[in-house]
Amino acid sequence: LCPPAVNLADAAPIGVDPWCISIDTAQRWERAFAKKQQKLVPTSTNLIDQTWKDRPAASVNPVVIQPLEFAGCTVAEKLQDLREKLTQEKANSIVVTALDEVAWLYNIRGSDVSYCPVVHAFAIVTKEAAF
């Protein structure tokens, strides 16, 4: 059993913000919690966000376009390659959540993270569109 499951009562509901974990993580947790009939219960809001009253505002910094000489490929070329991979994998879309991967895919840089030239962002790429 995973450590939290051991410390909770049998059949205990376990609140989870579905925006904060991957599907793979949720499935692994569900398997681990099932041994004690514990179930994940999605929360309607992030409980930490509700509790953290003096949270600093999110940074709003400029986004810089990475010059092609450093990027190596255009965004269109990268999206075309990614869409070919989607087709090979028989997938309709991909959600990109790693900040460095979003920066690479869209040839952008920023200063939202002090030690890494990325911006807080995610991407959704389908066979027809990119967001």
N, C-alpha and C. Protein backbone atom coordinates (compact mmCIF):
# COMPACT_ATOMS: atom_id res chain seq x y z
N LEU A 1 0.84 -1.20 0.00
CA LEU A 1 0.00 0.00 0.00
C LEU A 1 0.87 1.25 0.00
N CYS A 2 0.36 2.30 -0.59
CA CYS A 2 1.10 3.56 -0.55
C CYS A 2 0.93 4.16 0.85
N PRO A 3 1.90 4.92 1.33
CA PRO A 3 1.86 5.41 2.72
C PRO A 3 0.56 6.10 3.15
N PRO A 4 -0.03 7.00 2.34
CA PRO A 4 -1.27 7.62 2.83
C PRO A 4 -2.39 6.62 3.07
N ALA A 5 -2.47 5.59 2.25
CA ALA A 5 -3.53 4.60 2.40
C ALA A 5 -3.44 3.87 3.73
N VAL A 6 -2.25 3.63 4.19
CA VAL A 6 -2.04 2.92 5.45
C VAL A 6 -2.60 3.71 6.62
N ASN A 7 -2.50 5.02 6.57
CA ASN A 7 -2.89 5.88 7.68
C ASN A 7 -4.36 6.29 7.66
N LEU A 8 -5.10 5.90 6.65
CA LEU A 8 -6.51 6.27 6.55
C LEU A 8 -7.40 5.07 6.81
N ALA A 9 -8.60 5.37 7.25
CA ALA A 9 -9.57 4.31 7.54
C ALA A 9 -9.98 3.57 6.26
N ASP A 10 -10.39 2.33 6.42
CA ASP A 10 -10.93 1.59 5.29
C ASP A 10 -12.11 2.37 4.72
N ALA A 11 -12.24 2.33 3.40
CA ALA A 11 -13.33 2.99 2.67
C ALA A 11 -13.33 4.51 2.82
N ALA A 12 -12.19 5.09 3.21
CA ALA A 12 -12.11 6.55 3.36
C ALA A 12 -12.12 7.23 1.99
N PRO A 13 -12.92 8.30 1.84
CA PRO A 13 -12.85 9.09 0.60
C PRO A 13 -11.59 9.97 0.65
N ILE A 14 -10.92 10.10 -0.46
CA ILE A 14 -9.68 10.87 -0.53
C ILE A 14 -9.86 11.96 -1.57
N GLY A 15 -9.92 13.21 -1.11
CA GLY A 15 -10.12 14.33 -2.01
C GLY A 15 -8.89 14.59 -2.86
N VAL A 16 -9.11 14.90 -4.13
CA VAL A 16 -8.02 15.18 -5.05
C VAL A 16 -8.48 16.22 -6.08
N ASP A 17 -7.61 17.17 -6.36
CA ASP A 17 -7.89 18.15 -7.41
C ASP A 17 -7.46 17.52 -8.73
N PRO A 18 -8.40 17.20 -9.61
CA PRO A 18 -8.05 16.51 -10.85
C PRO A 18 -7.17 17.34 -11.79
N TRP A 19 -7.08 18.65 -11.56
CA TRP A 19 -6.21 19.49 -12.39
C TRP A 19 -4.75 19.37 -11.96
N CYS A 20 -4.49 18.78 -10.81
CA CYS A 20 -3.13 18.75 -10.26
C CYS A 20 -2.41 17.41 -10.42
N ILE A 21 -3.08 16.40 -10.94
CA ILE A 21 -2.43 15.11 -11.13
C ILE A 21 -2.74 14.57 -12.52
N SER A 22 -1.86 13.73 -13.01
CA SER A 22 -2.08 13.13 -14.32
C SER A 22 -3.07 11.97 -14.21
N ILE A 23 -3.60 11.55 -15.33
CA ILE A 23 -4.49 10.39 -15.35
C ILE A 23 -3.73 9.16 -14.88
N ASP A 24 -2.48 9.04 -15.32
CA ASP A 24 -1.66 7.89 -14.89
C ASP A 24 -1.50 7.86 -13.38
N THR A 25 -1.23 9.02 -12.78
CA THR A 25 -1.09 9.10 -11.32
C THR A 25 -2.41 8.73 -10.65
N ALA A 26 -3.51 9.26 -11.14
CA ALA A 26 -4.82 8.94 -10.56
C ALA A 26 -5.09 7.44 -10.63
N GLN A 27 -4.77 6.82 -11.75
CA GLN A 27 -5.00 5.38 -11.88
C GLN A 27 -4.12 4.57 -10.92
N ARG A 28 -2.85 4.98 -10.78
CA ARG A 28 -1.97 4.29 -9.83
C ARG A 28 -2.48 4.43 -8.40
N TRP A 29 -2.90 5.65 -8.04
CA TRP A 29 -3.43 5.88 -6.70
C TRP A 29 -4.70 5.05 -6.47
N GLU A 30 -5.58 5.03 -7.47
CA GLU A 30 -6.82 4.26 -7.31
C GLU A 30 -6.53 2.79 -7.06
N ARG A 31 -5.55 2.23 -7.77
CA ARG A 31 -5.18 0.83 -7.55
C ARG A 31 -4.64 0.63 -6.13
N ALA A 32 -3.80 1.56 -5.69
CA ALA A 32 -3.21 1.44 -4.35
C ALA A 32 -4.28 1.60 -3.27
N PHE A 33 -5.17 2.56 -3.43
CA PHE A 33 -6.20 2.80 -2.43
C PHE A 33 -7.29 1.73 -2.44
N ALA A 34 -7.45 1.03 -3.56
CA ALA A 34 -8.50 0.02 -3.66
C ALA A 34 -8.30 -1.12 -2.67
N LYS A 35 -7.07 -1.36 -2.27
CA LYS A 35 -6.79 -2.46 -1.34
C LYS A 35 -7.52 -2.27 -0.01
N LYS A 36 -7.83 -1.00 0.33
CA LYS A 36 -8.59 -0.73 1.56
C LYS A 36 -9.95 -0.10 1.23
N GLN A 37 -10.42 -0.32 0.00
CA GLN A 37 -11.69 0.22 -0.48
C GLN A 37 -11.76 1.74 -0.37
N GLN A 38 -10.62 2.39 -0.43
CA GLN A 38 -10.58 3.86 -0.41
C GLN A 38 -10.78 4.37 -1.85
N LYS A 39 -11.42 5.50 -1.97
CA LYS A 39 -11.74 6.03 -3.30
C LYS A 39 -11.30 7.47 -3.43
N LEU A 40 -10.78 7.81 -4.63
CA LEU A 40 -10.48 9.21 -4.93
C LEU A 40 -11.78 9.94 -5.22
N VAL A 41 -11.92 11.13 -4.64
CA VAL A 41 -13.10 11.95 -4.85
C VAL A 41 -12.61 13.29 -5.41
N PRO A 42 -12.98 13.62 -6.66
CA PRO A 42 -12.53 14.90 -7.21
C PRO A 42 -13.15 16.08 -6.46
N THR A 43 -12.33 17.04 -6.11
CA THR A 43 -12.84 18.26 -5.47
C THR A 43 -13.27 19.23 -6.56
N SER A 44 -14.25 20.06 -6.26
CA SER A 44 -14.74 21.00 -7.26
C SER A 44 -13.80 22.20 -7.43
N THR A 45 -13.00 22.46 -6.39
CA THR A 45 -12.00 23.53 -6.46
C THR A 45 -10.73 23.03 -5.78
N ASN A 46 -9.66 23.77 -5.97
CA ASN A 46 -8.40 23.43 -5.31
C ASN A 46 -8.47 23.91 -3.87
N LEU A 47 -8.41 23.00 -2.92
CA LEU A 47 -8.58 23.35 -1.51
C LEU A 47 -7.41 24.18 -0.99
N ILE A 48 -6.21 23.99 -1.53
CA ILE A 48 -5.07 24.82 -1.13
C ILE A 48 -5.31 26.26 -1.58
N ASP A 49 -5.80 26.44 -2.80
CA ASP A 49 -6.11 27.79 -3.28
C ASP A 49 -7.12 28.48 -2.37
N GLN A 50 -8.10 27.74 -1.89
CA GLN A 50 -9.11 28.32 -1.00
C GLN A 50 -8.52 28.69 0.36
N THR A 51 -7.53 27.94 0.80
CA THR A 51 -6.95 28.14 2.13
C THR A 51 -5.85 29.19 2.15
N TRP A 52 -5.07 29.28 1.08
CA TRP A 52 -3.91 30.17 1.01
C TRP A 52 -4.38 31.58 0.69
N LYS A 53 -4.70 32.34 1.72
CA LYS A 53 -5.30 33.67 1.55
C LYS A 53 -4.31 34.75 1.11
N ASP A 54 -3.05 34.65 1.54
CA ASP A 54 -2.07 35.71 1.22
C ASP A 54 -1.11 35.28 0.10
N ARG A 55 -1.60 34.45 -0.78
CA ARG A 55 -0.78 33.95 -1.88
C ARG A 55 -0.39 35.10 -2.80
N PRO A 56 0.90 35.18 -3.15
CA PRO A 56 1.32 36.25 -4.07
C PRO A 56 0.69 36.05 -5.45
N ALA A 57 0.47 37.14 -6.13
CA ALA A 57 -0.11 37.08 -7.47
C ALA A 57 0.86 36.37 -8.41
N ALA A 58 0.29 35.69 -9.40
CA ALA A 58 1.12 35.02 -10.41
C ALA A 58 1.88 36.07 -11.21
N SER A 59 3.09 35.73 -11.58
CA SER A 59 3.89 36.67 -12.36
C SER A 59 3.33 36.82 -13.76
N VAL A 60 3.42 38.02 -14.26
CA VAL A 60 3.01 38.31 -15.63
C VAL A 60 4.21 38.97 -16.30
N ASN A 61 4.97 38.15 -16.98
CA ASN A 61 6.19 38.62 -17.63
C ASN A 61 6.07 38.47 -19.13
N PRO A 62 6.85 39.25 -19.87
CA PRO A 62 6.76 39.15 -21.33
C PRO A 62 7.23 37.80 -21.85
N VAL A 63 6.64 37.40 -22.96
CA VAL A 63 7.05 36.21 -23.69
C VAL A 63 7.94 36.67 -24.83
N VAL A 64 9.06 36.00 -25.00
CA VAL A 64 10.02 36.36 -26.05
C VAL A 64 10.05 35.24 -27.08
N ILE A 65 10.00 35.61 -28.34
CA ILE A 65 10.10 34.62 -29.42
C ILE A 65 11.57 34.25 -29.59
N GLN A 66 11.83 32.96 -29.55
CA GLN A 66 13.18 32.45 -29.75
C GLN A 66 13.54 32.58 -31.24
N PRO A 67 14.62 33.27 -31.58
CA PRO A 67 14.99 33.41 -32.99
C PRO A 67 15.21 32.04 -33.64
N LEU A 68 14.83 31.94 -34.91
CA LEU A 68 14.94 30.68 -35.64
C LEU A 68 16.36 30.15 -35.65
N GLU A 69 17.34 31.04 -35.67
CA GLU A 69 18.74 30.59 -35.68
C GLU A 69 19.07 29.78 -34.42
N PHE A 70 18.38 30.03 -33.32
CA PHE A 70 18.60 29.26 -32.08
C PHE A 70 17.58 28.12 -31.94
N ALA A 71 16.37 28.35 -32.46
CA ALA A 71 15.30 27.35 -32.33
C ALA A 71 15.53 26.14 -33.24
N GLY A 72 16.11 26.37 -34.39
CA GLY A 72 16.40 25.26 -35.30
C GLY A 72 15.29 24.93 -36.27
N CYS A 73 14.04 25.00 -35.83
CA CYS A 73 12.88 24.70 -36.66
C CYS A 73 11.78 25.70 -36.35
N THR A 74 10.92 25.89 -37.32
CA THR A 74 9.77 26.76 -37.07
C THR A 74 8.74 26.03 -36.22
N VAL A 75 7.86 26.79 -35.64
CA VAL A 75 6.76 26.19 -34.86
C VAL A 75 5.92 25.30 -35.77
N ALA A 76 5.66 25.76 -36.99
CA ALA A 76 4.87 24.96 -37.93
C ALA A 76 5.52 23.61 -38.20
N GLU A 77 6.84 23.58 -38.35
CA GLU A 77 7.54 22.32 -38.58
C GLU A 77 7.43 21.40 -37.37
N LYS A 78 7.57 21.96 -36.18
CA LYS A 78 7.48 21.16 -34.96
C LYS A 78 6.06 20.60 -34.80
N LEU A 79 5.05 21.42 -35.09
CA LEU A 79 3.67 20.95 -34.99
C LEU A 79 3.39 19.86 -36.02
N GLN A 80 3.93 20.01 -37.22
CA GLN A 80 3.75 18.98 -38.25
C GLN A 80 4.37 17.66 -37.79
N ASP A 81 5.58 17.72 -37.26
CA ASP A 81 6.24 16.51 -36.75
C ASP A 81 5.43 15.88 -35.62
N LEU A 82 4.95 16.72 -34.70
CA LEU A 82 4.16 16.21 -33.57
C LEU A 82 2.88 15.55 -34.06
N ARG A 83 2.23 16.16 -35.04
CA ARG A 83 0.99 15.59 -35.58
C ARG A 83 1.25 14.25 -36.28
N GLU A 84 2.39 14.12 -36.92
CA GLU A 84 2.75 12.83 -37.51
C GLU A 84 2.89 11.77 -36.41
N LYS A 85 3.49 12.14 -35.30
CA LYS A 85 3.62 11.21 -34.17
C LYS A 85 2.24 10.87 -33.60
N LEU A 86 1.36 11.85 -33.52
CA LEU A 86 0.00 11.59 -33.04
C LEU A 86 -0.66 10.53 -33.93
N THR A 87 -0.52 10.69 -35.24
CA THR A 87 -1.11 9.73 -36.19
C THR A 87 -0.51 8.35 -35.98
N GLN A 88 0.81 8.28 -35.83
CA GLN A 88 1.48 6.98 -35.61
C GLN A 88 0.97 6.31 -34.33
N GLU A 89 0.70 7.10 -33.32
CA GLU A 89 0.24 6.57 -32.03
C GLU A 89 -1.28 6.40 -31.98
N LYS A 90 -1.95 6.73 -33.09
CA LYS A 90 -3.41 6.65 -33.16
C LYS A 90 -4.07 7.51 -32.08
N ALA A 91 -3.51 8.69 -31.89
CA ALA A 91 -4.04 9.64 -30.91
C ALA A 91 -4.63 10.84 -31.66
N ASN A 92 -5.62 11.47 -31.05
CA ASN A 92 -6.25 12.64 -31.65
C ASN A 92 -5.63 13.95 -31.18
N SER A 93 -5.04 13.92 -29.98
CA SER A 93 -4.50 15.16 -29.43
C SER A 93 -3.49 14.84 -28.34
N ILE A 94 -2.79 15.87 -27.92
CA ILE A 94 -1.84 15.75 -26.82
C ILE A 94 -1.93 17.02 -25.98
N VAL A 95 -1.84 16.84 -24.67
CA VAL A 95 -1.76 17.96 -23.74
C VAL A 95 -0.32 18.03 -23.27
N VAL A 96 0.31 19.18 -23.47
CA VAL A 96 1.71 19.38 -23.08
C VAL A 96 1.72 20.25 -21.84
N THR A 97 2.21 19.69 -20.72
CA THR A 97 2.20 20.43 -19.46
C THR A 97 3.58 20.81 -18.97
N ALA A 98 4.62 20.16 -19.47
CA ALA A 98 5.98 20.51 -19.04
C ALA A 98 6.36 21.87 -19.63
N LEU A 99 6.75 22.79 -18.77
CA LEU A 99 7.01 24.16 -19.22
C LEU A 99 8.11 24.22 -20.27
N ASP A 100 9.16 23.42 -20.11
CA ASP A 100 10.24 23.45 -21.10
C ASP A 100 9.77 22.90 -22.44
N GLU A 101 8.86 21.94 -22.43
CA GLU A 101 8.35 21.39 -23.68
C GLU A 101 7.45 22.39 -24.41
N VAL A 102 6.66 23.15 -23.66
CA VAL A 102 5.83 24.20 -24.27
C VAL A 102 6.74 25.26 -24.88
N ALA A 103 7.78 25.66 -24.14
CA ALA A 103 8.73 26.66 -24.65
C ALA A 103 9.39 26.18 -25.92
N TRP A 104 9.82 24.92 -25.95
CA TRP A 104 10.46 24.37 -27.14
C TRP A 104 9.48 24.31 -28.30
N LEU A 105 8.29 23.78 -28.06
CA LEU A 105 7.31 23.58 -29.12
C LEU A 105 6.93 24.89 -29.81
N TYR A 106 6.74 25.95 -29.02
CA TYR A 106 6.30 27.23 -29.58
C TYR A 106 7.43 28.24 -29.78
N ASN A 107 8.67 27.79 -29.58
CA ASN A 107 9.83 28.68 -29.75
C ASN A 107 9.68 29.96 -28.94
N ILE A 108 9.31 29.80 -27.68
CA ILE A 108 9.15 30.96 -26.81
C ILE A 108 10.05 30.81 -25.58
N ARG A 109 10.38 31.93 -25.01
CA ARG A 109 11.15 31.96 -23.78
C ARG A 109 10.52 33.02 -22.88
N GLY A 110 10.83 32.92 -21.59
CA GLY A 110 10.27 33.88 -20.65
C GLY A 110 11.03 33.86 -19.35
N SER A 111 10.49 34.55 -18.36
CA SER A 111 11.16 34.65 -17.06
C SER A 111 10.19 34.38 -15.91
N ASP A 112 9.20 33.54 -16.13
CA ASP A 112 8.27 33.22 -15.05
C ASP A 112 8.89 32.36 -13.96
N VAL A 113 9.94 31.62 -14.31
CA VAL A 113 10.68 30.80 -13.35
C VAL A 113 12.09 31.37 -13.29
N SER A 114 12.54 31.73 -12.09
CA SER A 114 13.80 32.47 -11.96
C SER A 114 15.02 31.75 -12.49
N TYR A 115 15.03 30.44 -12.48
CA TYR A 115 16.22 29.68 -12.88
C TYR A 115 16.10 29.02 -14.25
N CYS A 116 15.01 29.28 -14.97
CA CYS A 116 14.78 28.60 -16.24
C CYS A 116 14.00 29.54 -17.17
N PRO A 117 14.40 29.67 -18.43
CA PRO A 117 13.75 30.64 -19.33
C PRO A 117 12.42 30.16 -19.91
N VAL A 118 11.45 29.93 -19.05
CA VAL A 118 10.15 29.43 -19.48
C VAL A 118 9.04 30.35 -18.99
N VAL A 119 7.85 30.11 -19.53
CA VAL A 119 6.65 30.81 -19.07
C VAL A 119 5.68 29.77 -18.51
N HIS A 120 4.83 30.21 -17.59
CA HIS A 120 3.80 29.31 -17.08
C HIS A 120 2.75 29.15 -18.18
N ALA A 121 2.68 27.96 -18.75
CA ALA A 121 1.77 27.72 -19.87
C ALA A 121 1.59 26.22 -20.05
N PHE A 122 0.55 25.87 -20.76
CA PHE A 122 0.39 24.50 -21.23
C PHE A 122 -0.12 24.59 -22.65
N ALA A 123 -0.06 23.49 -23.36
CA ALA A 123 -0.49 23.48 -24.75
C ALA A 123 -1.38 22.28 -25.00
N ILE A 124 -2.30 22.45 -25.92
CA ILE A 124 -3.11 21.35 -26.41
C ILE A 124 -2.95 21.36 -27.92
N VAL A 125 -2.51 20.24 -28.46
CA VAL A 125 -2.32 20.13 -29.90
C VAL A 125 -3.20 19.00 -30.41
N THR A 126 -4.03 19.32 -31.40
CA THR A 126 -4.85 18.32 -32.07
C THR A 126 -4.32 18.19 -33.50
N LYS A 127 -4.94 17.32 -34.27
CA LYS A 127 -4.52 17.15 -35.65
C LYS A 127 -4.87 18.38 -36.50
N GLU A 128 -5.80 19.21 -36.01
CA GLU A 128 -6.24 20.37 -36.78
C GLU A 128 -5.85 21.71 -36.17
N ALA A 129 -5.58 21.75 -34.87
CA ALA A 129 -5.37 23.03 -34.20
C ALA A 129 -4.33 22.89 -33.09
N ALA A 130 -3.84 24.05 -32.65
CA ALA A 130 -2.90 24.09 -31.53
C ALA A 130 -3.26 25.28 -30.67
N PHE A 131 -3.28 25.04 -29.37
CA PHE A 131 -3.66 26.08 -28.41
C PHE A 131 -2.59 26.23 -27.36
